[in-house]
Amino acid sequence: MSSRRTTTIAGSLVAATFSAVLILSAPAGADDQGPGSGKGGKAVDEAPAGVRLTTLLPEKISVDNGSRETAITATVKNEGTKESGEIRMLVVGFDGLTVKSVEGCAAIAKKDLPEGSNSGFSCPVGNLAAGASKSYDVDATFDLGTTGKICLPVQTADGTKTFWQQGPVPFGTTNPSPNAPATPLLLGTDNTPVAPGELPRTGAGRDLLPLGAAGVSLLTVGAAGLWWAGRRRPEEKAG
């Protein structure tokens, strides 16, 4: 009887342990972002021979309807055959998408942000080997009451040249989910804002950017969005 009882207890412990493993091994929402995409990317200044720099953003992200928080993975790649030399990648937010932090990166001063943006971080990538990539965890918020865009320029370490720029590219949904715990957003999709009366009662409806102002801001950014390419040193402009 004692033996049977011991066996029953042991079996229960194994089952509990197995359930715990399943729970712990379940993928986090931030990791379920689908494959990376270079949508909205374009080459700007000519890169050194043998160097081909690109960036990737997740095809989908999920925004918490209460806190507005979301997580994004930003990746820079060297698809060329030679080392990149010292480079940096910027992570910049526009309109309803505000970048709060990027692991291992420094915040860009407000006076140095491009026109129309609300936040940005500079990531020192260093010398990226041929075929190598480097990813950064981005913490951001997204105001579902308006539109939101993100931009990833890849530059020389001193910022004098921009070899590649992805965006400003939108995240959004044409089917808002105000009553769900979270709203999935897709890369390259213009957001259909949730009406203020439909937002959760958690304060997420406060301080909404008026749609008219959002439209003006988007026009300011411009369709091509190559804002950093024009930021040159005085001596370059003089030349």
Protein backbone atom coordinates (compact mmCIF):
# COMPACT_ATOMS: atom_id res chain seq x y z
CA MET A 1 0.00 0.00 0.00
CA SER A 2 2.84 2.28 0.85
CA SER A 3 4.50 1.40 -2.43
CA ARG A 4 1.34 2.17 -4.44
CA ARG A 5 0.92 5.44 -2.64
CA THR A 6 4.53 6.40 -3.35
CA THR A 7 4.04 5.56 -7.02
CA THR A 8 0.90 7.71 -7.19
CA ILE A 9 2.65 10.70 -5.60
CA ALA A 10 5.67 10.29 -7.88
CA GLY A 11 3.39 10.18 -10.91
CA SER A 12 1.65 13.36 -9.81
CA LEU A 13 4.99 15.12 -9.40
CA VAL A 14 6.11 14.06 -12.89
CA ALA A 15 2.86 15.32 -14.38
CA ALA A 16 3.16 18.64 -12.54
CA THR A 17 6.78 19.03 -13.64
CA PHE A 18 5.84 18.26 -17.26
CA SER A 19 3.07 20.87 -17.16
CA ALA A 20 5.50 23.44 -15.75
CA VAL A 21 7.97 22.72 -18.55
CA LEU A 22 5.23 23.24 -21.13
CA ILE A 23 4.27 26.56 -19.58
CA LEU A 24 7.86 27.78 -19.34
CA SER A 25 8.69 26.71 -22.88
CA ALA A 26 5.70 28.48 -24.42
CA PRO A 27 6.93 31.29 -26.67
CA ALA A 28 6.53 34.83 -25.38
CA GLY A 29 4.30 37.20 -27.33
CA ALA A 30 7.27 39.45 -28.18
CA ASP A 31 8.98 36.52 -29.95
CA ASP A 32 5.95 35.65 -32.08
CA GLN A 33 6.67 38.29 -34.69
CA GLY A 34 6.86 36.21 -37.82
CA PRO A 35 9.77 36.37 -40.25
CA GLY A 36 11.79 39.54 -40.69
CA SER A 37 11.03 41.82 -43.60
CA GLY A 38 12.93 44.57 -45.40
CA LYS A 39 9.67 46.17 -46.61
CA GLY A 40 10.02 49.91 -47.09
CA GLY A 41 13.83 49.75 -47.36
CA LYS A 42 16.00 51.58 -49.85
CA ALA A 43 19.70 52.18 -50.55
CA VAL A 44 20.80 55.80 -50.09
CA ASP A 45 24.54 56.61 -50.22
CA GLU A 46 26.78 54.16 -52.04
CA ALA A 47 28.34 51.62 -49.67
CA PRO A 48 32.00 50.53 -49.94
CA ALA A 49 32.74 47.85 -52.54
CA GLY A 50 31.67 44.41 -51.33
CA VAL A 51 29.40 45.79 -48.59
CA ARG A 52 25.61 45.45 -48.79
CA LEU A 53 23.75 46.63 -45.71
CA THR A 54 20.05 45.99 -45.11
CA THR A 55 17.64 45.90 -42.17
CA LEU A 56 14.74 43.72 -41.08
CA LEU A 57 11.61 44.40 -39.03
CA PRO A 58 9.04 41.83 -37.86
CA GLU A 59 6.09 41.32 -40.18
CA LYS A 60 3.73 41.55 -37.21
CA ILE A 61 3.74 42.94 -33.69
CA SER A 62 1.15 42.92 -30.90
CA VAL A 63 0.08 46.00 -28.95
CA ASP A 64 -1.37 45.66 -25.44
CA ASN A 65 -4.68 47.51 -25.53
CA GLY A 66 -4.34 48.62 -21.92
CA SER A 67 -0.71 49.71 -21.56
CA ARG A 68 -0.08 50.42 -25.28
CA GLU A 69 3.22 48.54 -24.90
CA THR A 70 4.77 46.51 -27.70
CA ALA A 71 8.09 44.83 -28.47
CA ILE A 72 9.92 44.97 -31.80
CA THR A 73 13.09 43.27 -33.02
CA ALA A 74 15.25 45.46 -35.29
CA THR A 75 18.00 43.71 -37.26
CA VAL A 76 20.87 45.02 -39.38
CA LYS A 77 22.57 42.68 -41.87
CA ASN A 78 25.67 42.77 -44.05
CA GLU A 79 24.73 40.73 -47.10
CA GLY A 80 27.99 41.61 -48.87
CA THR A 81 31.32 39.85 -49.17
CA LYS A 82 33.44 42.29 -47.13
CA GLU A 83 33.35 43.78 -43.63
CA SER A 84 31.16 46.83 -43.25
CA GLY A 85 33.57 49.05 -41.33
CA GLU A 86 32.30 50.94 -38.27
CA ILE A 87 28.58 51.55 -38.65
CA ARG A 88 25.55 52.44 -36.54
CA MET A 89 21.83 51.84 -36.85
CA LEU A 90 19.19 54.31 -35.70
CA VAL A 91 15.74 53.30 -34.44
CA VAL A 92 13.30 56.21 -34.81
CA GLY A 93 9.58 56.46 -34.02
CA PHE A 94 6.92 58.62 -35.68
CA ASP A 95 3.40 59.65 -34.73
CA GLY A 96 1.70 57.03 -32.52
CA LEU A 97 4.75 54.76 -32.33
CA THR A 98 7.14 55.96 -29.62
CA VAL A 99 10.45 54.18 -29.02
CA LYS A 100 11.04 53.92 -25.26
CA SER A 101 14.32 52.00 -25.18
CA VAL A 102 16.62 49.89 -27.33
CA GLU A 103 18.95 47.44 -25.63
CA GLY A 104 22.58 48.58 -25.83
CA CYS A 105 21.71 51.86 -27.55
CA ALA A 106 21.74 55.56 -26.58
CA ALA A 107 18.80 57.95 -26.83
CA ILE A 108 19.06 60.62 -29.53
CA ALA A 109 18.69 64.16 -28.18
CA LYS A 110 15.44 65.85 -29.14
CA LYS A 111 17.30 68.58 -31.04
CA ASP A 112 18.95 65.93 -33.23
CA LEU A 113 15.80 63.99 -34.09
CA PRO A 114 14.58 64.21 -37.70
CA GLU A 115 11.59 66.42 -38.42
CA GLY A 116 8.32 64.70 -37.62
CA SER A 117 9.76 62.07 -35.29
CA ASN A 118 9.07 61.78 -31.57
CA SER A 119 11.86 59.50 -30.34
CA GLY A 120 15.01 57.74 -31.45
CA PHE A 121 18.01 55.67 -30.37
CA SER A 122 21.49 55.24 -31.86
CA CYS A 123 22.95 51.72 -31.84
CA PRO A 124 26.73 51.29 -32.28
CA VAL A 125 26.84 48.19 -34.49
CA GLY A 126 30.63 48.26 -34.97
CA ASN A 127 32.35 46.38 -37.79
CA LEU A 128 29.86 43.86 -39.19
CA ALA A 129 31.46 40.86 -40.87
CA ALA A 130 30.34 39.66 -44.30
CA GLY A 131 27.17 37.62 -43.95
CA ALA A 132 26.71 38.63 -40.30
CA SER A 133 23.74 40.30 -38.64
CA LYS A 134 22.97 41.98 -35.32
CA SER A 135 19.57 42.28 -33.68
CA TYR A 136 18.27 44.72 -31.07
CA ASP A 137 15.29 44.43 -28.73
CA VAL A 138 13.11 47.54 -29.02
CA ASP A 139 10.57 48.51 -26.36
CA ALA A 140 7.93 50.88 -27.67
CA THR A 141 4.39 52.11 -27.20
CA PHE A 142 1.76 52.45 -29.90
CA ASP A 143 -1.22 54.78 -29.63
CA LEU A 144 -3.98 52.86 -31.42
CA GLY A 145 -5.95 56.09 -31.71
CA THR A 146 -3.68 57.25 -34.52
CA THR A 147 -1.12 56.00 -37.05
CA GLY A 148 2.46 54.97 -36.26
CA LYS A 149 5.71 54.50 -38.18
CA ILE A 150 9.25 53.33 -37.51
CA CYS A 151 12.50 54.05 -39.36
CA LEU A 152 15.86 52.23 -39.40
CA PRO A 153 18.71 54.14 -41.08
CA VAL A 154 22.13 52.44 -41.27
CA GLN A 155 25.00 54.92 -41.32
CA THR A 156 28.71 55.37 -40.92
CA ALA A 157 29.66 55.61 -37.25
CA ASP A 158 29.92 59.42 -37.51
CA GLY A 159 26.60 59.75 -39.34
CA THR A 160 28.04 61.43 -42.44
CA LYS A 161 26.65 58.78 -44.80
CA THR A 162 23.47 56.71 -44.80
CA PHE A 163 23.93 53.45 -46.68
CA TRP A 164 20.44 52.06 -46.14
CA GLN A 165 17.14 53.22 -44.70
CA GLN A 166 14.02 51.20 -43.95
CA GLY A 167 11.04 53.46 -43.57
CA PRO A 168 9.49 55.45 -42.19
CA VAL A 169 7.30 52.35 -42.63
CA PRO A 170 3.92 51.95 -40.90
CA PHE A 171 2.64 49.29 -38.57
CA GLY A 172 -1.12 49.07 -38.46
CA THR A 173 -4.37 47.21 -38.80
CA THR A 174 -7.51 47.76 -40.84
CA ASN A 175 -9.50 45.84 -38.20
CA PRO A 176 -8.99 47.41 -34.74
CA SER A 177 -9.65 45.20 -31.71
CA PRO A 178 -10.53 47.65 -28.89
CA ASN A 179 -12.20 45.01 -26.70
CA ALA A 180 -9.48 42.38 -27.03
CA PRO A 181 -6.45 42.15 -24.70
CA ALA A 182 -4.12 43.03 -27.58
CA THR A 183 -4.26 44.26 -31.17
CA PRO A 184 -2.05 42.65 -33.85
CA LEU A 185 -0.40 45.10 -36.26
CA LEU A 186 1.16 44.29 -39.63
CA LEU A 187 4.25 45.89 -41.18
CA GLY A 188 3.51 48.08 -44.17
CA THR A 189 -0.16 48.52 -43.24
CA ASP A 190 -1.65 51.96 -42.55
CA ASN A 191 -3.41 51.87 -39.20
CA THR A 192 -7.15 52.46 -39.01
CA PRO A 193 -7.34 54.35 -35.70
CA VAL A 194 -9.70 53.16 -33.00
CA ALA A 195 -12.37 55.76 -32.22
CA PRO A 196 -11.76 57.41 -28.81
CA GLY A 197 -15.04 56.00 -27.42
CA GLU A 198 -13.96 52.45 -28.31
CA LEU A 199 -10.69 52.46 -26.40
CA PRO A 200 -10.34 50.47 -23.14
CA ARG A 201 -11.11 52.23 -19.87
CA THR A 202 -7.46 52.14 -18.81
CA GLY A 203 -6.52 55.64 -19.88
CA ALA A 204 -5.40 54.53 -23.34
CA GLY A 205 -7.74 57.10 -24.89
CA ARG A 206 -5.98 60.09 -23.36
CA ASP A 207 -3.74 62.51 -25.24
CA LEU A 208 -4.72 61.21 -28.67
CA LEU A 209 -3.05 62.92 -31.59
CA PRO A 210 -5.78 64.57 -33.72
CA LEU A 211 -6.09 62.90 -37.09
CA GLY A 212 -5.55 66.23 -38.84
CA ALA A 213 -2.24 66.74 -37.05
CA ALA A 214 -1.22 63.16 -37.82
CA GLY A 215 -1.87 63.77 -41.52
CA VAL A 216 0.23 66.93 -41.52
CA SER A 217 3.03 65.08 -39.74
CA LEU A 218 3.00 62.31 -42.32
CA LEU A 219 3.14 64.84 -45.13
CA THR A 220 6.10 66.48 -43.39
CA VAL A 221 7.93 63.17 -43.31
CA GLY A 222 7.37 62.79 -47.02
CA ALA A 223 6.73 59.78 -49.20
CA ALA A 224 10.37 58.88 -49.75
CA GLY A 225 11.30 59.59 -46.17
CA LEU A 226 15.00 60.02 -46.89
CA TRP A 227 15.33 62.61 -44.14
CA TRP A 228 18.74 61.63 -42.87
CA ALA A 229 20.40 61.65 -46.26
CA GLY A 230 20.08 65.42 -46.24
CA ARG A 231 21.68 65.85 -42.82
CA ARG A 232 25.25 66.58 -43.83
CA ARG A 233 28.17 68.40 -42.28
CA PRO A 234 28.38 72.13 -43.08
CA GLU A 235 31.49 71.58 -45.18
CA GLU A 236 29.66 68.98 -47.28
CA LYS A 237 26.78 71.35 -47.93
CA ALA A 238 29.25 74.09 -48.84
CA GLY A 239 30.92 71.77 -51.33
